[in-house]
Every structure is written in structure tokens, then in C-alpha cells.
Amino acid sequence: MSLEITDRQIMTPGPTMVDPRVSQAASNAILGQFDPAFTQIMNENMDFIRKAFQTKNYWSFPIDGASRAGLEAVINSIVSPGDKVLVPRMGRFGDLAVELATRAGGKVITMDTDWGTVFNQEDIIKKINEVKPKVLAIVHGETSTGRLQPIDKIGAAAKTVGAFTIVDAVASFMGVSIPVDDWELDAVIGGAQKSLSAPAGITPITFNERFADEIKLRKRVEAGVATSESDISENYINSNYLDLTQLMDYWSPARLNHHTESTILNYTLHEALSLAVENEGIFERFNRQIKQQQILKEGLKKLGLKIFGDEDHEMPNMVAVEIPEGVAGDKIRAILLNDYGVEIASSFGPMAGRIWRVGLMGYVAQKHYVLRFLSIFASVLAQNGVKVNTALALNWVTEAYHELEN
């Protein structure tokens, strides 16, 4: 039986809707992983990733696996048992960094702020100087709360104590500018399934030579593909598949036969990056998403809803909306999905049942999707006893688009 999937208007903070041109790229013929035609695609993907991250890092390539695989590959490759890892936590994905560093054997030190807020960078820098960690692991875009953590100063500060800065930019990648070199970030993990509007399962990462030199000290090549020159460290990285040192040899001219690369996902990544970097332009994409986010956010306010958290530090590619008192948030979400094919998200931990999270990521950040969502959302809320000002909201949004387009 052939699959028949009903179209959805996905407005979660990931995964997101995929550009039809990206979906079409997946229908191309399979190539062998070392076919020159495919290694050319690999090389082009590396160059696209550099441009997307605004970096000259040679080591810019995708990890096969969803974003967590990229995070785990980076953390597991740099953190040895006993290494101090500083993790500022402001939501669920800070907890994930703690989990991954702990599993790698790191001695984790945390600092915390209330969910819905961000850290003052000076407080992080003070803690860096106090703890002197080997690794600072921090989330840039925390989708559990919709906050964007400023990180432009911490990379340089971490280097003064010899620390490596790892940034989880899974949700902010292609949603906001991340000038990796200017901010002196050692390793950054992006996401395909958010503002890039590609399928999950492949994760763009980048890291600098300083980071590469450190992880090479832990290199171990499996016997089946090792040569007499292969490095064999006693303090080796405890994952084979997510061993960045072997992946470096796979993505370099050495072409180590480490694993079978996902040709299809590299096709989709290539198309998505090409559309973002070459067709639209990365800064144009950032601007498009924030304009759509601002219009939707104001429209939700006009409905009578309250936006959650510190708006001075909100992610520009999503909106966190407080669920009105007495409203069953999951019931509203179910109606949107089952009756209208529109999907938004709830949240986690202390935010569960308190907020809806609406994504304006990549392809879905367009006028017709915003208008359709807002009108359906207003209708569903009204039908479920929530007092909303639908006419005011839709009139305001319509006028905002008129001004934007003229």
C-alpha cells in the first residue's frame, strides 16, 4: 500500500514545513557515496554551511542524524571523563546539554535562570572565570520558552581561560544571524528541520581548527579501515559513529570509509541551503521571518492574548503565547490539527500547559500561512469560550501587510 500523507500547515518550532523544491530534490536517483558526482555535492554542502554560519572554518559539514546527533557528536568528541563543563540553563535544551555532557563523563557545573528569561553575558563571563571549565555549552535559541540568549561576547571570554565554546544553535540557525568567526565560537550545531525548512535527519555543524586540534588527541580509527599512519589514542572518543575525528576524514579528501552517507538527505540539504544562501540570501531570510513573526505577534495581541516572556530577548522565528486561564491548551491544539490540519506546539517542564508555541520558521513564514492560521485560531478560540477580538486582529494584520508590501 502506498503512503498517502495529508498536507499539514506545520507551525511548530520544529519540525517545520518543507519547501516543495526540497521535497522534489529527494526524488533524485541514488549515487554511490564515493561517486565523484556525489562527493561534489558533499563539497558544495560544506561551502553552503560555511556561508550559512558566516565562517571560514574548513570543518563545516553535516552529521547524519537529527540535531541531537550533531549535539552529541560535538560534546562527546571534546569532553573527556572528568572535564569540567559549564552549562547555563534557561530551558529544556540546557538540560539536554547537561545530559549529554554527563553521559560523556564530564563534571558538569550549571547556572540557572527562570524559564522565559535569559542570562546577562557578564554573569556567564564571571562564572567562566570562576570555574575555568574546559567546555562552555550554551543554547542560543531556547524553543521551550522562545528566548534568544545573547552570545556575542562569551566566545572571546571563554578563550581567555582556555575553554571551548559549544553553541546549540539548532533552533536559531537560519532564523537569525550567527557570525561564528566574529563571535569566536569554537563549535556550533545547526538544525535542518527548523528555519532551513529541510527534513530532519541531517545536521549542519561547524568547528574551528583550535577545536579540531583538541579532538584529534582522542582519535581512534577502527582496525578495518585503519592504516599504518592512523592515530590510536588511549583516551579515545567513546562513540564510533559520532566520532568527529573519523568524520573529519570522511568529509576531507581522505574519504575514510567510515559509514554510508545518506545521499537523499544530502540532496535535500543541498537544495535547502541553495535556496537560503543563493536564491533568497541569508539576511533576507532572517528579515522575512522576523517581519512575519512581528505581524503575527501583534495580531495575537489584538485578539486579546498575552505574549509570554521577555520580548526584548525573544526568538525572531517563533511566538510563545500564554494559554488563557481555564482553557485546555491541548484541546485547542487537537482541534486545530484534526479539523484544520494546522499544527502548533505546547511546551515542557514548568511551561507545560502554560504556553502555546507557534513557529514562523523558514518556508511557513509567509503571509497566506499567517493569515490562515490567525483566522482559524481566532475561530477555534471563540468556539471554545475564549473572548477574542477577531475583527480587530484581522483588520490590523491585513493593514500591516498592506503597508509592508507598498
Protein backbone atom coordinates (compact mmCIF):
# COMPACT_ATOMS: atom_id res chain seq x y z
CA MET A 1 0.00 0.00 0.00
CA SER A 2 1.39 3.40 -0.98
CA LEU A 3 1.67 6.10 1.62
CA GLU A 4 -0.81 8.95 1.35
CA ILE A 5 0.02 11.77 3.74
CA THR A 6 -2.48 14.58 4.28
CA ASP A 7 -1.00 18.05 3.94
CA ARG A 8 -0.38 19.92 7.17
CA GLN A 9 0.30 23.57 7.91
CA ILE A 10 3.05 22.96 10.44
CA MET A 11 3.66 25.99 12.64
CA THR A 12 5.59 24.37 15.45
CA PRO A 13 9.13 25.44 16.42
CA GLY A 14 10.32 22.35 14.55
CA PRO A 15 9.88 20.31 12.58
CA THR A 16 8.57 22.74 10.03
CA MET A 17 7.05 22.67 6.58
CA VAL A 18 9.49 21.71 3.83
CA ASP A 19 9.79 23.77 0.68
CA PRO A 20 8.33 21.68 -2.19
CA ARG A 21 11.57 22.16 -4.11
CA VAL A 22 13.42 20.47 -1.24
CA SER A 23 10.97 17.58 -1.26
CA GLN A 24 11.44 17.23 -5.00
CA ALA A 25 15.22 17.04 -4.58
CA ALA A 26 14.71 13.85 -2.57
CA SER A 27 13.33 12.10 -5.66
CA ASN A 28 16.66 12.17 -7.49
CA ALA A 29 18.49 8.94 -8.27
CA ILE A 30 20.77 7.42 -5.63
CA LEU A 31 24.50 7.91 -6.16
CA GLY A 32 27.29 5.89 -4.60
CA GLN A 33 28.83 7.60 -1.59
CA PHE A 34 32.24 7.97 -3.27
CA ASP A 35 30.92 8.67 -6.75
CA PRO A 36 32.64 11.91 -7.87
CA ALA A 37 29.21 13.34 -8.65
CA PHE A 38 28.22 12.80 -5.02
CA THR A 39 31.48 13.99 -3.44
CA GLN A 40 30.98 17.18 -5.44
CA ILE A 41 27.60 17.61 -3.72
CA MET A 42 29.32 16.97 -0.38
CA ASN A 43 31.90 19.67 -1.10
CA GLU A 44 29.19 22.11 -2.13
CA ASN A 45 27.26 21.38 1.06
CA MET A 46 30.37 22.18 3.09
CA ASP A 47 30.69 25.52 1.32
CA PHE A 48 27.00 26.31 1.81
CA ILE A 49 27.30 25.53 5.53
CA ARG A 50 30.27 27.89 5.84
CA LYS A 51 28.25 30.68 4.25
CA ALA A 52 25.22 29.97 6.42
CA PHE A 53 27.36 30.14 9.58
CA GLN A 54 29.39 33.11 8.24
CA THR A 55 32.63 31.27 8.87
CA LYS A 56 35.85 30.28 7.13
CA ASN A 57 36.04 27.04 9.12
CA TYR A 58 37.10 24.20 6.84
CA TRP A 59 35.36 21.77 9.19
CA SER A 60 31.81 22.63 8.23
CA PHE A 61 29.77 19.58 7.29
CA PRO A 62 26.56 17.73 8.18
CA ILE A 63 26.13 14.87 10.65
CA ASP A 64 23.80 12.05 9.60
CA GLY A 65 21.06 12.15 12.23
CA ALA A 66 18.66 14.68 13.71
CA SER A 67 20.01 17.67 15.60
CA ARG A 68 20.61 15.70 18.78
CA ALA A 69 23.14 13.61 16.84
CA GLY A 70 25.05 16.77 15.99
CA LEU A 71 24.98 17.93 19.60
CA GLU A 72 26.11 14.55 20.86
CA ALA A 73 28.89 14.26 18.27
CA VAL A 74 30.34 17.63 19.24
CA ILE A 75 30.02 17.25 23.01
CA ASN A 76 31.13 13.61 23.07
CA SER A 77 34.19 14.36 20.94
CA ILE A 78 35.50 17.22 23.10
CA VAL A 79 34.50 16.14 26.62
CA SER A 80 36.70 13.51 28.28
CA PRO A 81 35.84 11.90 31.63
CA GLY A 82 36.47 14.39 34.41
CA ASP A 83 36.50 17.51 32.21
CA LYS A 84 34.66 20.49 33.67
CA VAL A 85 31.69 21.60 31.57
CA LEU A 86 29.79 24.82 32.34
CA VAL A 87 26.16 24.84 31.20
CA PRO A 88 23.94 27.93 31.64
CA ARG A 89 20.36 26.59 31.69
CA MET A 90 17.31 28.63 30.72
CA GLY A 91 15.03 25.85 29.47
CA ARG A 92 14.68 22.27 28.34
CA PHE A 93 17.60 22.23 25.95
CA GLY A 94 20.02 23.42 28.59
CA ASP A 95 19.00 20.26 30.42
CA LEU A 96 19.86 18.31 27.28
CA ALA A 97 23.37 19.80 27.23
CA VAL A 98 23.77 18.71 30.86
CA GLU A 99 22.61 15.20 29.95
CA LEU A 100 24.98 14.85 27.00
CA ALA A 101 27.97 16.22 28.92
CA THR A 102 27.20 13.94 31.86
CA ARG A 103 27.00 10.88 29.60
CA ALA A 104 30.38 11.86 28.15
CA GLY A 105 31.81 11.72 31.67
CA GLY A 106 32.08 15.45 32.18
CA LYS A 107 31.96 17.15 35.55
CA VAL A 108 29.01 19.47 34.90
CA ILE A 109 28.58 22.83 36.61
CA THR A 110 25.29 24.61 35.96
CA MET A 111 23.96 28.10 36.35
CA ASP A 112 20.24 28.74 36.11
CA THR A 113 17.76 31.46 35.31
CA ASP A 114 13.98 31.40 35.27
CA TRP A 115 12.37 29.87 32.19
CA GLY A 116 11.31 32.75 29.97
CA THR A 117 14.39 34.84 30.75
CA VAL A 118 17.97 34.89 29.50
CA PHE A 119 21.36 35.38 31.15
CA ASN A 120 23.32 38.59 31.29
CA GLN A 121 26.52 37.74 29.42
CA GLU A 122 28.59 39.36 32.15
CA ASP A 123 27.23 36.83 34.64
CA ILE A 124 28.25 33.99 32.35
CA ILE A 125 31.71 35.50 31.87
CA LYS A 126 32.10 35.85 35.64
CA LYS A 127 31.21 32.18 36.06
CA ILE A 128 33.65 31.20 33.29
CA ASN A 129 36.46 32.99 35.11
CA GLU A 130 35.46 31.39 38.39
CA VAL A 131 35.03 27.80 37.16
CA LYS A 132 37.63 27.76 34.36
CA PRO A 133 35.88 24.93 32.52
CA LYS A 134 37.26 23.02 29.59
CA VAL A 135 33.92 23.49 27.79
CA LEU A 136 31.14 26.07 27.88
CA ALA A 137 27.99 24.55 26.36
CA ILE A 138 25.16 27.02 25.80
CA VAL A 139 21.84 27.16 23.98
CA HIS A 140 21.35 30.10 21.62
CA GLY A 141 17.66 29.69 20.73
CA GLU A 142 15.68 28.01 23.52
CA THR A 143 12.43 26.93 21.89
CA SER A 144 10.89 25.63 25.11
CA THR A 145 10.45 29.26 26.16
CA GLY A 146 11.02 31.16 22.92
CA ARG A 147 14.07 33.03 24.20
CA LEU A 148 17.23 34.06 22.31
CA GLN A 149 20.33 34.11 24.50
CA PRO A 150 22.92 36.81 23.63
CA ILE A 151 26.26 35.07 22.97
CA ASP A 152 28.38 37.61 21.09
CA LYS A 153 30.82 38.18 24.00
CA ILE A 154 31.21 34.79 25.63
CA GLY A 155 33.38 33.08 23.00
CA ALA A 156 36.24 35.52 23.44
CA ALA A 157 35.85 35.39 27.22
CA ALA A 158 35.98 31.59 27.26
CA LYS A 159 39.23 31.60 25.28
CA THR A 160 40.95 33.68 27.95
CA VAL A 161 40.74 30.68 30.30
CA GLY A 162 41.38 28.11 27.56
CA ALA A 163 37.76 26.97 27.35
CA PHE A 164 35.97 25.79 24.22
CA THR A 165 32.58 27.34 23.45
CA ILE A 166 29.93 24.99 22.06
CA VAL A 167 26.68 26.57 20.89
CA ASP A 168 23.38 24.77 20.38
CA ALA A 169 22.02 26.86 17.50
CA VAL A 170 19.64 24.15 16.34
CA ALA A 171 16.59 26.43 16.50
CA SER A 172 18.27 29.73 15.67
CA PHE A 173 20.20 28.52 12.60
CA MET A 174 18.88 30.33 9.51
CA GLY A 175 16.45 32.21 11.74
CA VAL A 176 18.91 34.81 12.99
CA SER A 177 22.45 35.86 12.10
CA ILE A 178 25.17 33.72 13.73
CA PRO A 179 28.57 35.15 12.72
CA VAL A 180 30.61 32.26 14.08
CA ASP A 181 34.05 33.73 13.40
CA ASP A 182 33.25 37.25 14.62
CA TRP A 183 31.83 35.84 17.85
CA GLU A 184 34.83 33.49 18.31
CA LEU A 185 32.68 30.40 18.77
CA ASP A 186 34.58 27.11 18.63
CA ALA A 187 31.79 24.73 17.60
CA VAL A 188 28.21 25.42 16.56
CA ILE A 189 25.41 22.98 15.82
CA GLY A 190 22.57 23.99 13.49
CA GLY A 191 19.31 22.33 12.57
CA ALA A 192 17.86 21.29 9.22
CA GLN A 193 14.24 20.90 10.30
CA LYS A 194 13.62 24.44 11.53
CA SER A 195 14.34 27.70 9.70
CA LEU A 196 16.23 25.90 6.94
CA SER A 197 12.97 24.08 6.08
CA ALA A 198 14.55 20.72 5.28
CA PRO A 199 13.68 17.26 6.60
CA ALA A 200 15.10 16.18 9.94
CA GLY A 201 17.82 13.56 9.84
CA ILE A 202 20.86 15.61 8.82
CA THR A 203 22.52 18.29 10.94
CA PRO A 204 24.88 21.09 9.82
CA ILE A 205 27.79 21.74 12.17
CA THR A 206 30.95 23.83 12.09
CA PHE A 207 34.08 23.92 14.25
CA ASN A 208 37.41 25.69 14.08
CA GLU A 209 40.99 24.42 13.93
CA ARG A 210 41.50 25.02 17.64
CA PHE A 211 38.64 22.64 18.36
CA ALA A 212 39.85 20.19 15.69
CA ASP A 213 43.36 20.06 17.16
CA GLU A 214 41.95 19.23 20.59
CA ILE A 215 39.70 16.39 19.48
CA LYS A 216 42.44 14.88 17.28
CA LEU A 217 44.19 13.98 20.54
CA ARG A 218 41.35 11.47 21.08
CA LYS A 219 41.41 9.95 17.60
CA ARG A 220 40.96 6.22 17.14
CA VAL A 221 40.36 4.65 13.73
CA GLU A 222 38.76 1.21 13.68
CA ALA A 223 41.01 -1.64 12.59
CA GLY A 224 39.08 -2.45 9.42
CA VAL A 225 39.89 0.88 7.79
CA ALA A 226 42.97 1.99 9.75
CA THR A 227 46.32 2.45 8.02
CA SER A 228 49.82 2.38 9.46
CA GLU A 229 49.57 6.15 9.87
CA SER A 230 46.23 6.03 11.70
CA ASP A 231 46.11 7.54 15.16
CA ILE A 232 45.18 5.31 18.08
CA SER A 233 44.58 7.30 21.27
CA GLU A 234 44.08 5.65 24.63
CA ASN A 235 41.70 8.48 25.58
CA TYR A 236 39.57 7.80 22.53
CA ILE A 237 36.11 9.17 21.83
CA ASN A 238 33.63 6.63 23.18
CA SER A 239 31.34 6.66 20.14
CA ASN A 240 32.36 5.30 16.77
CA TYR A 241 29.50 6.62 14.65
CA LEU A 242 29.57 10.10 16.24
CA ASP A 243 33.38 10.35 16.36
CA LEU A 244 34.15 13.72 14.78
CA THR A 245 37.79 12.79 14.14
CA GLN A 246 36.74 9.94 11.84
CA LEU A 247 34.02 12.08 10.30
CA MET A 248 36.66 14.68 9.52
CA ASP A 249 38.50 12.05 7.48
CA TYR A 250 35.24 11.10 5.79
CA TRP A 251 34.47 14.69 4.78
CA SER A 252 38.05 15.53 3.77
CA PRO A 253 39.87 14.34 0.63
CA ALA A 254 40.98 11.30 2.67
CA ARG A 255 37.42 9.90 2.25
CA LEU A 256 37.74 7.40 5.10
CA ASN A 257 35.17 4.64 4.57
CA HIS A 258 33.59 5.31 7.95
CA HIS A 259 29.86 4.97 7.22
CA THR A 260 27.43 5.05 4.31
CA GLU A 261 26.39 8.64 3.80
CA SER A 262 22.72 9.49 3.30
CA THR A 263 22.66 10.60 -0.31
CA ILE A 264 18.98 11.55 -0.25
CA LEU A 265 19.32 13.77 2.83
CA ASN A 266 22.37 15.42 1.32
CA TYR A 267 20.27 16.21 -1.74
CA THR A 268 17.60 17.83 0.43
CA LEU A 269 20.22 19.70 2.46
CA HIS A 270 21.88 20.93 -0.73
CA GLU A 271 18.59 22.21 -2.14
CA ALA A 272 17.53 23.85 1.13
CA LEU A 273 20.90 25.56 1.60
CA SER A 274 20.98 26.64 -2.03
CA LEU A 275 17.53 28.20 -1.70
CA ALA A 276 18.53 30.01 1.50
CA VAL A 277 22.07 31.07 0.63
CA GLU A 278 21.88 31.69 -3.12
CA ASN A 279 18.24 32.24 -4.09
CA GLU A 280 16.92 34.20 -1.13
CA GLY A 281 20.03 35.28 0.76
CA ILE A 282 20.55 34.56 4.44
CA PHE A 283 19.89 38.09 5.66
CA GLU A 284 16.79 38.34 3.50
CA ARG A 285 15.57 35.12 5.10
CA PHE A 286 16.24 36.47 8.59
CA ASN A 287 14.32 39.64 7.75
CA ARG A 288 11.38 37.76 6.22
CA GLN A 289 10.93 35.60 9.30
CA ILE A 290 11.13 38.43 11.81
CA LYS A 291 8.63 40.53 9.84
CA GLN A 292 6.16 37.65 9.79
CA GLN A 293 6.79 36.99 13.48
CA GLN A 294 6.17 40.62 14.39
CA ILE A 295 2.93 40.74 12.41
CA LEU A 296 1.61 37.51 13.91
CA LYS A 297 2.66 38.50 17.41
CA GLU A 298 0.83 41.81 17.18
CA GLY A 299 -2.18 40.08 15.65
CA LEU A 300 -2.31 37.69 18.62
CA LYS A 301 -2.15 40.66 20.97
CA LYS A 302 -5.04 42.30 19.11
CA LEU A 303 -7.03 39.11 19.63
CA GLY A 304 -6.59 39.70 23.35
CA LEU A 305 -3.90 37.11 24.04
CA LYS A 306 -0.76 37.68 26.08
CA ILE A 307 2.73 37.02 24.76
CA PHE A 308 4.95 35.04 27.13
CA GLY A 309 8.33 36.08 28.44
CA ASP A 310 10.84 38.85 27.95
CA GLU A 311 10.08 40.27 24.50
CA ASP A 312 13.47 42.01 24.36
CA HIS A 313 15.12 38.59 24.06
CA GLU A 314 12.59 36.58 22.09
CA MET A 315 13.42 34.29 19.20
CA PRO A 316 12.54 36.06 15.94
CA ASN A 317 11.21 32.89 14.30
CA MET A 318 8.55 31.83 16.82
CA VAL A 319 5.96 33.25 19.22
CA ALA A 320 5.25 31.93 22.71
CA VAL A 321 1.63 32.68 23.66
CA GLU A 322 0.18 32.32 27.14
CA ILE A 323 -2.77 29.92 27.31
CA PRO A 324 -5.74 31.83 28.79
CA GLU A 325 -6.79 30.75 32.26
CA GLY A 326 -9.29 27.91 32.21
CA VAL A 327 -8.54 26.93 28.61
CA ALA A 328 -7.42 23.38 27.83
CA GLY A 329 -4.43 24.11 25.63
CA ASP A 330 -4.08 20.58 24.27
CA LYS A 331 -7.76 20.52 23.30
CA ILE A 332 -7.31 23.66 21.19
CA ARG A 333 -4.22 22.16 19.56
CA ALA A 334 -6.10 18.95 18.77
CA ILE A 335 -8.95 20.85 17.11
CA LEU A 336 -6.50 22.86 15.02
CA LEU A 337 -4.77 19.70 13.86
CA ASN A 338 -7.69 17.34 13.41
CA ASP A 339 -10.21 19.77 11.93
CA TYR A 340 -7.98 22.19 10.04
CA GLY A 341 -4.62 20.46 9.51
CA VAL A 342 -2.80 23.19 11.43
CA GLU A 343 -0.19 22.17 13.99
CA ILE A 344 1.23 24.29 16.80
CA ALA A 345 3.13 23.09 19.87
CA SER A 346 2.76 23.03 23.63
CA SER A 347 5.84 23.14 25.86
CA PHE A 348 7.78 21.21 28.51
CA GLY A 349 8.53 21.17 32.23
CA PRO A 350 7.27 24.24 34.09
CA MET A 351 5.90 25.62 30.80
CA ALA A 352 3.69 22.58 30.10
CA GLY A 353 0.06 23.70 29.89
CA ARG A 354 1.08 27.35 30.22
CA ILE A 355 2.03 28.36 26.69
CA TRP A 356 1.43 27.57 23.05
CA ARG A 357 4.46 27.81 20.79
CA VAL A 358 3.90 28.99 17.24
CA GLY A 359 6.72 28.70 14.71
CA LEU A 360 7.42 31.19 11.93
CA MET A 361 10.35 29.18 10.63
CA GLY A 362 11.56 29.17 7.07
CA TYR A 363 9.00 28.22 4.43
CA VAL A 364 5.92 28.74 6.62
CA ALA A 365 6.86 32.36 7.36
CA GLN A 366 4.62 33.67 4.60
CA LYS A 367 1.61 35.98 4.51
CA HIS A 368 -1.00 33.42 3.47
CA TYR A 369 0.03 30.95 6.17
CA VAL A 370 -0.04 33.64 8.86
CA LEU A 371 -3.48 34.91 7.80
CA ARG A 372 -4.91 31.40 7.58
CA PHE A 373 -3.56 30.44 10.99
CA LEU A 374 -4.73 33.60 12.72
CA SER A 375 -8.27 33.39 11.34
CA ILE A 376 -8.64 29.68 12.19
CA PHE A 377 -7.06 30.11 15.62
CA ALA A 378 -9.39 33.00 16.46
CA SER A 379 -12.42 30.99 15.36
CA VAL A 380 -11.43 27.92 17.39
CA LEU A 381 -10.78 30.00 20.49
CA ALA A 382 -14.14 31.76 20.16
CA GLN A 383 -15.97 28.46 19.70
CA ASN A 384 -14.38 27.24 22.92
CA GLY A 385 -15.46 30.14 25.07
CA VAL A 386 -12.45 32.42 24.79
CA LYS A 387 -13.32 36.07 24.32
CA VAL A 388 -11.32 37.30 21.32
CA ASN A 389 -11.48 40.38 19.11
CA THR A 390 -11.23 38.68 15.73
CA ALA A 391 -12.20 41.68 13.60
CA LEU A 392 -9.65 43.96 15.28
CA ALA A 393 -6.87 41.40 14.87
CA LEU A 394 -7.54 40.53 11.25
CA ASN A 395 -8.08 44.15 10.23
CA TRP A 396 -4.80 45.14 11.87
CA VAL A 397 -2.86 42.29 10.27
CA THR A 398 -4.35 42.99 6.84
CA GLU A 399 -3.35 46.64 7.12
CA ALA A 400 0.13 45.67 8.33
CA TYR A 401 0.63 43.53 5.23
CA HIS A 402 -0.65 46.34 3.02
CA GLU A 403 1.96 48.69 4.49
CA LEU A 404 4.69 46.05 4.23
CA GLU A 405 4.00 45.45 0.55
CA ASN A 406 3.62 49.08 -0.50
